[in-house]
Amino acid sequence: MIIPSENKGTVLYVEDNIDNRTLVRRILLSEDYTLIEAVNAAECLKVLEHTKPDLILMDINMPGINGFETTRR
């Protein structure tokens, strides 16, 4: 999901926990960042095929492919 704003920059946030995503979404949008959310490594890698965010925040302990392996890819 892409949530545009006035754009201080674009952040890709990869997190499988809905509560964590909600908290970070509120913070980043209140600071006028554009937010792209992914719920797992597969979504993250798909987003990165066509988008180059300024920053990636990623959960390390995701089911399936963890954050370390996703970063390596």
C-alpha atoms as a PDB file:
ATOM      1  CA  MET A   1       0.000   0.000   0.000  1.00  0.00           C
ATOM      2  CA  ILE A   2       1.389   3.429  -0.942  1.00  0.00           C
ATOM      3  CA  ILE A   3       0.309   6.366   1.190  1.00  0.00           C
ATOM      4  CA  PRO A   4       1.465   9.656  -0.395  1.00  0.00           C
ATOM      5  CA  SER A   5       2.094  12.874   1.476  1.00  0.00           C
ATOM      6  CA  GLU A   6       3.904  16.204   1.026  1.00  0.00           C
ATOM      7  CA  ASN A   7       7.046  14.107   0.734  1.00  0.00           C
ATOM      8  CA  LYS A   8      10.073  14.624   2.874  1.00  0.00           C
ATOM      9  CA  GLY A   9      11.087  11.329   1.314  1.00  0.00           C
ATOM     10  CA  THR A  10       9.764   7.846   0.691  1.00  0.00           C
ATOM     11  CA  VAL A  11       9.989   5.083   3.293  1.00  0.00           C
ATOM     12  CA  LEU A  12       9.358   1.406   2.615  1.00  0.00           C
ATOM     13  CA  TYR A  13       8.251  -0.241   5.857  1.00  0.00           C
ATOM     14  CA  VAL A  14       8.301  -4.049   5.924  1.00  0.00           C
ATOM     15  CA  GLU A  15       6.468  -5.471   8.938  1.00  0.00           C
ATOM     16  CA  ASP A  16       4.129  -8.412   9.448  1.00  0.00           C
ATOM     17  CA  ASN A  17       2.647  -7.116  12.719  1.00  0.00           C
ATOM     18  CA  ILE A  18      -0.399  -4.887  12.146  1.00  0.00           C
ATOM     19  CA  ASP A  19       0.021  -3.000  15.438  1.00  0.00           C
ATOM     20  CA  ASN A  20       3.608  -2.075  14.607  1.00  0.00           C
ATOM     21  CA  ARG A  21       2.604  -1.004  11.088  1.00  0.00           C
ATOM     22  CA  THR A  22      -0.166   1.196  12.474  1.00  0.00           C
ATOM     23  CA  LEU A  23       2.162   2.923  14.936  1.00  0.00           C
ATOM     24  CA  VAL A  24       4.915   3.579  12.397  1.00  0.00           C
ATOM     25  CA  ARG A  25       2.348   4.696   9.785  1.00  0.00           C
ATOM     26  CA  ARG A  26       0.999   7.344  12.176  1.00  0.00           C
ATOM     27  CA  ILE A  27       4.465   8.637  13.005  1.00  0.00           C
ATOM     28  CA  LEU A  28       5.788   8.781   9.439  1.00  0.00           C
ATOM     29  CA  LEU A  29       2.662  10.328   7.943  1.00  0.00           C
ATOM     30  CA  SER A  30       2.523  12.937  10.696  1.00  0.00           C
ATOM     31  CA  GLU A  31       6.058  13.925   9.648  1.00  0.00           C
ATOM     32  CA  ASP A  32       5.051  14.186   5.951  1.00  0.00           C
ATOM     33  CA  TYR A  33       6.848  11.132   4.573  1.00  0.00           C
ATOM     34  CA  THR A  34       5.459   9.056   1.737  1.00  0.00           C
ATOM     35  CA  LEU A  35       4.949   5.548   3.076  1.00  0.00           C
ATOM     36  CA  ILE A  36       5.004   2.244   1.235  1.00  0.00           C
ATOM     37  CA  GLU A  37       4.054  -0.785   3.316  1.00  0.00           C
ATOM     38  CA  ALA A  38       4.844  -4.436   2.747  1.00  0.00           C
ATOM     39  CA  VAL A  39       3.797  -7.265   5.064  1.00  0.00           C
ATOM     40  CA  ASN A  40       6.522  -9.756   4.126  1.00  0.00           C
ATOM     41  CA  ALA A  41       9.754 -10.228   2.205  1.00  0.00           C
ATOM     42  CA  ALA A  42       8.036 -11.258  -1.020  1.00  0.00           C
ATOM     43  CA  GLU A  43       6.003  -8.026  -1.098  1.00  0.00           C
ATOM     44  CA  CYS A  44       9.114  -6.006  -0.261  1.00  0.00           C
ATOM     45  CA  LEU A  45      11.105  -7.495  -3.132  1.00  0.00           C
ATOM     46  CA  LYS A  46       8.196  -6.951  -5.515  1.00  0.00           C
ATOM     47  CA  VAL A  47       7.928  -3.280  -4.498  1.00  0.00           C
ATOM     48  CA  LEU A  48      11.661  -2.833  -5.030  1.00  0.00           C
ATOM     49  CA  GLU A  49      11.356  -4.014  -8.633  1.00  0.00           C
ATOM     50  CA  HIS A  50       9.653  -0.723  -9.544  1.00  0.00           C
ATOM     51  CA  THR A  51      10.278   1.670  -6.615  1.00  0.00           C
ATOM     52  CA  LYS A  52      13.441   3.052  -5.063  1.00  0.00           C
ATOM     53  CA  PRO A  53      12.589   4.355  -1.575  1.00  0.00           C
ATOM     54  CA  ASP A  54      14.861   6.727   0.284  1.00  0.00           C
ATOM     55  CA  LEU A  55      14.811   4.468   3.345  1.00  0.00           C
ATOM     56  CA  ILE A  56      13.788   0.885   4.120  1.00  0.00           C
ATOM     57  CA  LEU A  57      12.679  -0.027   7.642  1.00  0.00           C
ATOM     58  CA  MET A  58      12.396  -3.791   7.950  1.00  0.00           C
ATOM     59  CA  ASP A  59      11.428  -6.301  10.589  1.00  0.00           C
ATOM     60  CA  ILE A  60      14.174  -8.882  11.032  1.00  0.00           C
ATOM     61  CA  ASN A  61      11.989 -11.688  12.444  1.00  0.00           C
ATOM     62  CA  MET A  62       9.436 -12.220   9.689  1.00  0.00           C
ATOM     63  CA  PRO A  63       7.973 -15.631   8.858  1.00  0.00           C
ATOM     64  CA  GLY A  64       9.399 -17.241   5.747  1.00  0.00           C
ATOM     65  CA  ILE A  65      12.289 -15.126   4.491  1.00  0.00           C
ATOM     66  CA  ASN A  66      13.685 -13.084   7.372  1.00  0.00           C
ATOM     67  CA  GLY A  67      14.931  -9.520   7.173  1.00  0.00           C
ATOM     68  CA  PHE A  68      18.592 -10.495   6.893  1.00  0.00           C
ATOM     69  CA  GLU A  69      17.961 -12.703   3.856  1.00  0.00           C
ATOM     70  CA  THR A  70      15.690 -10.083   2.299  1.00  0.00           C
ATOM     71  CA  THR A  71      18.434  -7.469   2.662  1.00  0.00           C
ATOM     72  CA  ARG A  72      20.976  -9.816   1.090  1.00  0.00           C
ATOM     73  CA  ARG A  73      18.693 -10.335  -1.928  1.00  0.00           C
END
